[in-house]
Amino acid sequence: MRTTMVRNEDVPELSPMADADSAVAALFQSHRLAMVRFAVLLVDDVETGEDVVQEAYAALHRRWPALADRDAAVGYLRTCVLNGSRSVLRRRRTVRRNPYPDADSLTVEGADGGVLLAEEHREVIAALQRLPRRQREVIVLRYWSELSEAEVAATLGISLGAVKSNAFHGRHAIAAALGGAE
């Protein structure tokens, strides 16, 4: 594929008062293929390259009345194609890093969910505070810190049986305080 660079002097002759529709149409006729080639070389995909160029022409059409120098239109197009291609490549890179959202992020919690959860947390913490110190320490280390029973025993300097017993009694006391079974 042979590429040709588009120069500003290749801009078709347009009167300074030319309306955006005819001016952009004339530029489209004369520079579309070169712009598509340019975009395809950047994004390595014909369909995406055509989309980028289409967006560039749409941007030029929107900005036509504010364009100070009509001869700079090809440069503006080229810059739009370059920036659009960079955006496509950034999006691709992001998708490759995070291909699929986890199922939990696709569900929406009810409006009162945070309030209800906060109330449940307060109740559990209150029940936890009412436990004897050793049971509270075992429950926190075992279930909140996710330590194994052996790690809890080593941390607290107690036997494995004491960890199991305190965990059992602590869970039952919390369940009773919350009004339910374990």
Protein backbone atom coordinates (compact mmCIF):
# COMPACT_ATOMS: atom_id res chain seq x y z
CA MET A 1 0.00 0.00 0.00
CA ARG A 2 1.51 3.29 -1.08
CA THR A 3 0.85 6.27 1.16
CA THR A 4 0.78 9.83 0.03
CA MET A 5 1.19 12.66 2.46
CA VAL A 6 -1.41 15.36 2.09
CA ARG A 7 -0.08 18.86 1.93
CA ASN A 8 -2.00 22.02 2.75
CA GLU A 9 -1.49 23.30 -0.80
CA ASP A 10 -3.60 20.33 -1.99
CA VAL A 11 -6.70 21.96 -0.49
CA PRO A 12 -9.26 22.59 -3.21
CA GLU A 13 -9.92 26.21 -4.05
CA LEU A 14 -12.73 27.45 -1.85
CA SER A 15 -14.00 30.91 -1.47
CA PRO A 16 -13.52 32.39 1.99
CA MET A 17 -17.29 32.52 2.32
CA ALA A 18 -17.85 28.89 1.30
CA ASP A 19 -20.33 27.19 3.51
CA ALA A 20 -19.27 24.29 5.69
CA ASP A 21 -21.24 21.67 3.76
CA SER A 22 -19.68 22.32 0.37
CA ALA A 23 -16.21 22.98 1.77
CA VAL A 24 -16.08 19.80 3.83
CA ALA A 25 -17.59 17.82 0.93
CA ALA A 26 -14.84 19.10 -1.39
CA LEU A 27 -12.17 18.20 1.16
CA PHE A 28 -13.77 14.79 1.63
CA GLN A 29 -13.63 14.10 -2.12
CA SER A 30 -10.00 15.08 -2.41
CA HIS A 31 -8.47 13.80 0.86
CA ARG A 32 -10.59 10.98 2.25
CA LEU A 33 -8.46 8.11 0.95
CA ALA A 34 -5.21 9.64 2.16
CA MET A 35 -6.73 10.28 5.59
CA VAL A 36 -8.07 6.71 5.79
CA ARG A 37 -4.64 5.34 4.83
CA PHE A 38 -3.08 7.52 7.51
CA ALA A 39 -5.55 6.28 10.16
CA VAL A 40 -5.20 2.63 9.10
CA LEU A 41 -1.44 2.86 9.46
CA LEU A 42 -1.95 4.14 13.01
CA VAL A 43 -4.74 1.83 14.23
CA ASP A 44 -4.03 -1.22 12.02
CA ASP A 45 -7.71 -1.76 11.24
CA VAL A 46 -9.59 -0.49 8.16
CA GLU A 47 -13.03 -0.19 9.78
CA THR A 48 -11.68 1.66 12.80
CA GLY A 49 -9.56 3.88 10.56
CA GLU A 50 -12.64 4.82 8.55
CA ASP A 51 -14.53 5.60 11.76
CA VAL A 52 -11.70 7.82 12.98
CA VAL A 53 -11.65 9.71 9.67
CA GLN A 54 -15.43 10.11 9.71
CA GLU A 55 -15.20 11.62 13.19
CA ALA A 56 -12.44 13.95 11.98
CA TYR A 57 -14.59 15.22 9.11
CA ALA A 58 -17.54 15.68 11.47
CA ALA A 59 -15.30 17.69 13.82
CA LEU A 60 -14.07 19.80 10.90
CA HIS A 61 -17.66 20.47 9.84
CA ARG A 62 -18.57 21.58 13.37
CA ARG A 63 -15.52 23.83 13.63
CA TRP A 64 -15.63 25.22 10.08
CA PRO A 65 -17.07 28.65 11.03
CA ALA A 66 -14.39 29.10 13.69
CA LEU A 67 -11.52 27.99 11.45
CA ALA A 68 -9.29 31.05 11.11
CA ASP A 69 -7.41 29.86 8.05
CA ARG A 70 -9.31 27.72 5.53
CA ASP A 71 -5.98 26.56 4.11
CA ALA A 72 -5.27 24.89 7.46
CA ALA A 73 -8.28 22.57 7.08
CA VAL A 74 -6.17 19.61 5.92
CA GLY A 75 -3.81 20.11 8.83
CA TYR A 76 -6.79 20.23 11.17
CA LEU A 77 -8.10 17.00 9.66
CA ARG A 78 -4.70 15.32 9.98
CA THR A 79 -4.48 16.38 13.63
CA CYS A 80 -8.01 15.10 14.31
CA VAL A 81 -7.16 11.76 12.70
CA LEU A 82 -3.96 11.50 14.74
CA ASN A 83 -5.73 12.33 18.02
CA GLY A 84 -8.66 10.04 17.22
CA SER A 85 -6.27 7.19 16.45
CA ARG A 86 -4.45 7.77 19.72
CA SER A 87 -7.78 7.63 21.56
CA VAL A 88 -8.65 4.34 19.87
CA LEU A 89 -5.30 2.87 20.85
CA ARG A 90 -5.73 4.05 24.47
CA ARG A 91 -9.18 2.46 24.64
CA ARG A 92 -7.81 -0.79 23.22
CA ARG A 93 -5.02 -0.79 25.78
CA THR A 94 -7.53 -0.23 28.59
CA VAL A 95 -9.78 -3.05 27.35
CA ARG A 96 -6.81 -5.41 27.14
CA ARG A 97 -5.87 -4.62 30.73
CA ASN A 98 -9.46 -5.02 32.01
CA PRO A 99 -11.24 -7.32 29.57
CA TYR A 100 -14.30 -8.27 31.59
CA PRO A 101 -15.90 -6.59 34.58
CA ASP A 102 -16.49 -8.87 37.55
CA ALA A 103 -20.09 -9.95 38.10
CA ASP A 104 -20.29 -8.07 41.41
CA SER A 105 -19.69 -4.72 39.71
CA LEU A 106 -22.60 -5.33 37.32
CA THR A 107 -25.21 -5.48 40.08
CA VAL A 108 -26.66 -2.41 41.67
CA GLU A 109 -27.46 -2.25 45.36
CA GLY A 110 -30.79 -0.87 46.46
CA ALA A 111 -30.95 2.73 47.63
CA ASP A 112 -31.47 1.67 51.23
CA GLY A 113 -28.81 -1.06 51.10
CA GLY A 114 -26.08 1.08 52.63
CA VAL A 115 -28.28 2.13 55.52
CA LEU A 116 -29.42 -1.42 56.22
CA LEU A 117 -25.89 -2.78 55.97
CA ALA A 118 -24.59 -0.05 58.25
CA GLU A 119 -27.28 -0.94 60.80
CA GLU A 120 -26.36 -4.64 60.60
CA HIS A 121 -22.69 -3.76 61.09
CA ARG A 122 -23.53 -1.67 64.15
CA GLU A 123 -25.53 -4.57 65.61
CA VAL A 124 -22.72 -7.07 64.98
CA ILE A 125 -20.11 -4.72 66.45
CA ALA A 126 -22.29 -4.13 69.50
CA ALA A 127 -22.69 -7.90 69.98
CA LEU A 128 -18.95 -8.33 69.49
CA GLN A 129 -18.24 -5.69 72.15
CA ARG A 130 -20.37 -7.61 74.67
CA LEU A 131 -18.23 -10.75 74.32
CA PRO A 132 -15.54 -11.58 76.87
CA ARG A 133 -12.10 -10.28 75.79
CA ARG A 134 -10.69 -13.67 74.75
CA GLN A 135 -13.75 -14.62 72.67
CA ARG A 136 -13.70 -11.19 71.00
CA GLU A 137 -9.98 -11.55 70.16
CA VAL A 138 -10.49 -15.05 68.72
CA ILE A 139 -13.52 -14.00 66.65
CA VAL A 140 -11.75 -10.92 65.25
CA LEU A 141 -8.53 -12.77 64.43
CA ARG A 142 -10.28 -15.82 63.01
CA TYR A 143 -13.06 -14.25 60.95
CA TRP A 144 -12.13 -10.64 60.33
CA SER A 145 -8.36 -11.13 59.92
CA GLU A 146 -8.97 -14.53 58.31
CA LEU A 147 -6.24 -16.30 60.25
CA SER A 148 -6.25 -20.07 60.59
CA GLU A 149 -6.97 -21.60 63.96
CA ALA A 150 -3.28 -22.44 64.37
CA GLU A 151 -2.29 -18.84 63.55
CA VAL A 152 -4.81 -17.49 66.08
CA ALA A 153 -3.45 -19.90 68.73
CA ALA A 154 0.13 -18.78 68.01
CA THR A 155 -0.84 -15.09 68.04
CA LEU A 156 -2.70 -15.28 71.34
CA GLY A 157 -0.39 -17.87 72.94
CA ILE A 158 -3.23 -20.29 73.66
CA SER A 159 -3.95 -23.87 72.65
CA LEU A 160 -5.73 -24.87 69.48
CA GLY A 161 -8.56 -26.28 71.57
CA ALA A 162 -8.98 -22.94 73.36
CA VAL A 163 -9.25 -21.19 69.98
CA LYS A 164 -11.95 -23.62 68.83
CA SER A 165 -13.86 -23.33 72.09
CA ASN A 166 -13.73 -19.51 72.20
CA ALA A 167 -14.74 -19.29 68.51
CA PHE A 168 -17.69 -21.63 69.08
CA HIS A 169 -18.96 -19.78 72.17
CA GLY A 170 -18.32 -16.36 70.60
CA ARG A 171 -20.27 -17.21 67.42
CA HIS A 172 -23.20 -18.53 69.45
CA ALA A 173 -23.23 -15.45 71.69
CA ILE A 174 -23.25 -13.12 68.63
CA ALA A 175 -26.01 -15.18 66.98
CA ALA A 176 -28.10 -15.05 70.16
CA ALA A 177 -27.56 -11.27 70.45
CA LEU A 178 -28.69 -10.81 66.83
CA GLY A 179 -31.78 -12.91 67.49
CA GLY A 180 -31.02 -15.82 65.23
CA ALA A 181 -29.27 -19.09 64.97
CA GLU A 182 -25.65 -19.33 63.87
